[in-house]
Protein backbone atom coordinates (compact mmCIF):
# COMPACT_ATOMS: atom_id res chain seq x y z
CA MET A 1 0.00 0.00 0.00
CA ALA A 2 1.36 3.44 -0.94
CA LYS A 3 2.49 5.83 1.75
CA GLY A 4 -0.35 8.13 2.85
CA HIS A 5 -3.06 5.92 1.32
CA GLU A 6 -4.40 4.76 4.67
CA ILE A 7 -4.81 8.31 6.07
CA ARG A 8 -6.39 10.04 3.08
CA ILE A 9 -10.14 10.61 3.22
CA PRO A 10 -11.51 10.83 -0.33
CA SER A 11 -14.72 12.69 -1.08
CA THR A 12 -17.86 10.81 -2.07
CA ALA A 13 -19.34 13.95 -3.68
CA ALA A 14 -16.74 14.33 -6.42
CA ILE A 15 -16.33 14.65 -10.16
CA TYR A 16 -13.35 12.66 -11.46
CA LYS A 17 -12.00 12.50 -7.88
CA HIS A 18 -12.25 16.29 -7.48
CA PRO A 19 -14.46 17.15 -4.47
CA ILE A 20 -17.47 19.27 -5.40
CA HIS A 21 -17.70 21.19 -2.12
CA PRO A 22 -14.47 23.21 -2.57
CA MET A 23 -15.49 23.98 -6.15
CA LEU A 24 -18.71 25.56 -4.92
CA VAL A 25 -17.57 27.57 -1.88
CA THR A 26 -15.48 30.25 -3.59
CA PHE A 27 -18.29 32.41 -4.95
CA PRO A 28 -20.47 32.34 -1.80
CA ILE A 29 -17.42 33.36 0.25
CA ALA A 30 -16.72 36.24 -2.12
CA PHE A 31 -20.37 37.33 -2.28
CA LEU A 32 -21.00 37.21 1.47
CA THR A 33 -17.79 39.04 2.36
CA GLY A 34 -18.58 41.48 -0.44
CA SER A 35 -21.87 42.25 1.27
CA LEU A 36 -19.94 43.44 4.32
CA ALA A 37 -17.86 45.72 2.10
CA THR A 38 -20.96 47.13 0.40
CA ASP A 39 -22.70 47.63 3.76
CA ILE A 40 -19.72 49.60 5.04
CA THR A 41 -19.64 51.61 1.81
CA PHE A 42 -23.35 52.37 2.24
CA TRP A 43 -22.71 53.44 5.83
CA PHE A 44 -20.22 56.05 4.64
CA THR A 45 -21.94 57.19 1.43
CA ARG A 46 -25.66 56.61 2.13
CA ASP A 47 -25.98 55.80 -1.58
CA PRO A 48 -28.90 53.32 -2.04
CA PHE A 49 -26.96 51.61 -4.82
CA TRP A 50 -24.74 49.98 -2.18
CA ALA A 51 -27.78 48.74 -0.25
CA ARG A 52 -29.19 47.09 -3.37
CA ALA A 53 -25.76 45.65 -4.20
CA ALA A 54 -25.48 44.16 -0.71
CA PHE A 55 -28.96 42.62 -1.02
CA TRP A 56 -28.06 40.87 -4.28
CA LEU A 57 -24.67 39.78 -2.99
CA ILE A 58 -26.38 38.18 0.01
CA ALA A 59 -28.96 36.52 -2.25
CA ALA A 60 -26.24 35.10 -4.52
CA GLY A 61 -24.08 34.11 -1.55
CA LEU A 62 -26.98 32.36 0.11
CA GLY A 63 -27.95 30.47 -3.05
CA GLY A 64 -24.39 29.40 -3.75
CA GLY A 65 -23.83 28.64 -0.09
CA MET A 66 -26.80 26.29 -0.06
CA ALA A 67 -25.39 24.40 -3.05
CA ALA A 68 -21.98 24.18 -1.35
CA ALA A 69 -23.68 23.06 1.86
CA LEU A 70 -25.44 20.21 0.07
CA ALA A 71 -22.15 18.95 -1.38
CA GLY A 72 -20.43 19.31 2.00
CA MET A 73 -23.24 17.50 3.80
CA ALA A 74 -23.06 14.67 1.26
CA ASP A 75 -19.44 14.08 2.28
CA PHE A 76 -20.09 14.68 5.97
CA PHE A 77 -22.93 12.16 6.17
CA THR A 78 -21.50 9.50 3.83
CA VAL A 79 -17.90 9.39 5.09
CA PRO A 80 -17.82 8.20 8.73
CA ARG A 81 -14.16 9.20 9.19
CA ILE A 82 -15.08 12.87 8.63
CA ARG A 83 -17.66 12.73 11.43
CA LYS A 84 -14.96 11.38 13.77
CA LEU A 85 -12.92 14.58 13.36
CA ILE A 86 -13.58 17.48 15.73
CA ARG A 87 -12.59 19.82 12.89
CA GLY A 88 -15.21 18.16 10.71
CA TRP A 89 -17.89 18.96 13.26
CA GLY A 90 -16.53 22.46 13.77
CA HIS A 91 -16.56 23.19 10.04
CA PHE A 92 -20.04 21.69 9.69
CA LEU A 93 -21.47 23.77 12.55
CA ALA A 94 -19.70 26.99 11.50
CA ALA A 95 -21.08 26.58 7.97
CA ILE A 96 -24.60 26.14 9.39
CA VAL A 97 -24.16 29.39 11.32
CA VAL A 98 -22.98 31.15 8.14
CA VAL A 99 -26.04 30.03 6.18
CA SER A 100 -28.33 30.88 9.11
CA PHE A 101 -27.00 34.42 9.53
CA ALA A 102 -27.03 34.99 5.76
CA SER A 103 -30.67 33.84 5.70
CA VAL A 104 -31.65 36.23 8.48
CA ASN A 105 -29.73 39.02 6.74
CA PHE A 106 -31.55 38.32 3.49
CA MET A 107 -34.96 38.30 5.20
CA LEU A 108 -34.20 41.58 7.01
CA ARG A 109 -33.53 43.29 3.69
CA TRP A 110 -36.37 41.75 1.68
CA ALA A 111 -38.89 44.58 2.12
CA ASP A 112 -36.44 47.50 2.17
CA PRO A 113 -32.73 46.90 1.55
CA VAL A 114 -31.80 50.47 2.53
CA ALA A 115 -33.60 50.63 5.87
CA ALA A 116 -32.33 47.23 6.99
CA ILE A 117 -28.60 47.96 6.81
CA LEU A 118 -28.10 50.08 9.91
CA PRO A 119 -27.56 48.61 12.39
CA TRP A 120 -28.82 45.02 12.01
CA GLY A 121 -27.89 44.31 8.40
CA LEU A 122 -24.34 45.53 8.94
CA LEU A 123 -24.08 43.45 12.12
CA MET A 124 -25.40 40.34 10.32
CA SER A 125 -22.89 40.86 7.49
CA PHE A 126 -20.07 41.26 10.01
CA ILE A 127 -21.00 38.10 11.93
CA THR A 128 -21.41 36.18 8.68
CA SER A 129 -17.94 37.26 7.54
CA CYS A 130 -16.40 36.32 10.89
CA MET A 131 -18.03 32.90 10.76
CA LEU A 132 -16.83 32.47 7.16
CA ILE A 133 -13.28 32.99 8.40
CA ILE A 134 -13.75 30.31 11.04
CA ALA A 135 -15.47 27.87 8.66
CA GLY A 136 -12.82 28.47 6.00
CA TYR A 137 -9.97 28.01 8.46
CA LEU A 138 -11.43 24.72 9.68
CA GLY A 139 -12.13 23.60 6.10
CA GLY A 140 -8.52 24.31 5.17
CA LYS A 141 -7.32 22.35 8.18
CA LEU A 142 -9.53 19.42 7.09
CA VAL A 143 -7.97 19.38 3.64
CA PHE A 144 -4.34 20.16 4.40
CA HIS A 145 -3.92 18.48 7.79
CA GLU A 146 -6.55 15.73 7.88
CA LEU A 147 -6.35 15.05 4.09
CA VAL A 148 -10.13 15.17 3.66
CA GLY A 149 -11.14 15.25 0.01
CA THR A 150 -7.72 14.08 -1.17
CA TYR A 151 -6.80 11.07 -3.25
CA LEU A 152 -3.69 9.30 -4.44
CA THR A 153 -1.82 10.75 -7.39
CA GLU A 154 -0.70 8.42 -10.18
CA GLU A 155 2.78 8.29 -8.65
CA GLU A 156 1.33 7.19 -5.30
CA GLU A 157 -0.93 4.47 -6.69
CA PRO A 158 0.03 0.99 -5.43
């Protein structure tokens, strides 16, 4: 058996061995952190454009985040070794918090994106961004330290 084979934890939700979850998380991360930037810009400029931009960034981030969550949950619930890792649970729970806060943020802004920003929308965007940092850190640790979602290269094949 090749070195490292016994510790790698391949993804079950994958296309040609490439895990789907990391493919899907990049845009929701960018959109949801972008909503914090647009909220802050609105705070300083009071230009309604930034409120509308934040609303649509949250909507896109939430939609993409739900797709990423489904792929992540597929791995989490079908690979028992992931559920044995404290980082796996931490990442799972932090991601649930991200989607929950983004959902609340979206609902707050539904009727009037401008009125909802200060103070609660801005606070929701800030908390969402902080939780994204935590979820991303734990996700990175899962991949680079626990070897979740990795597979053997051709050189490593037995």
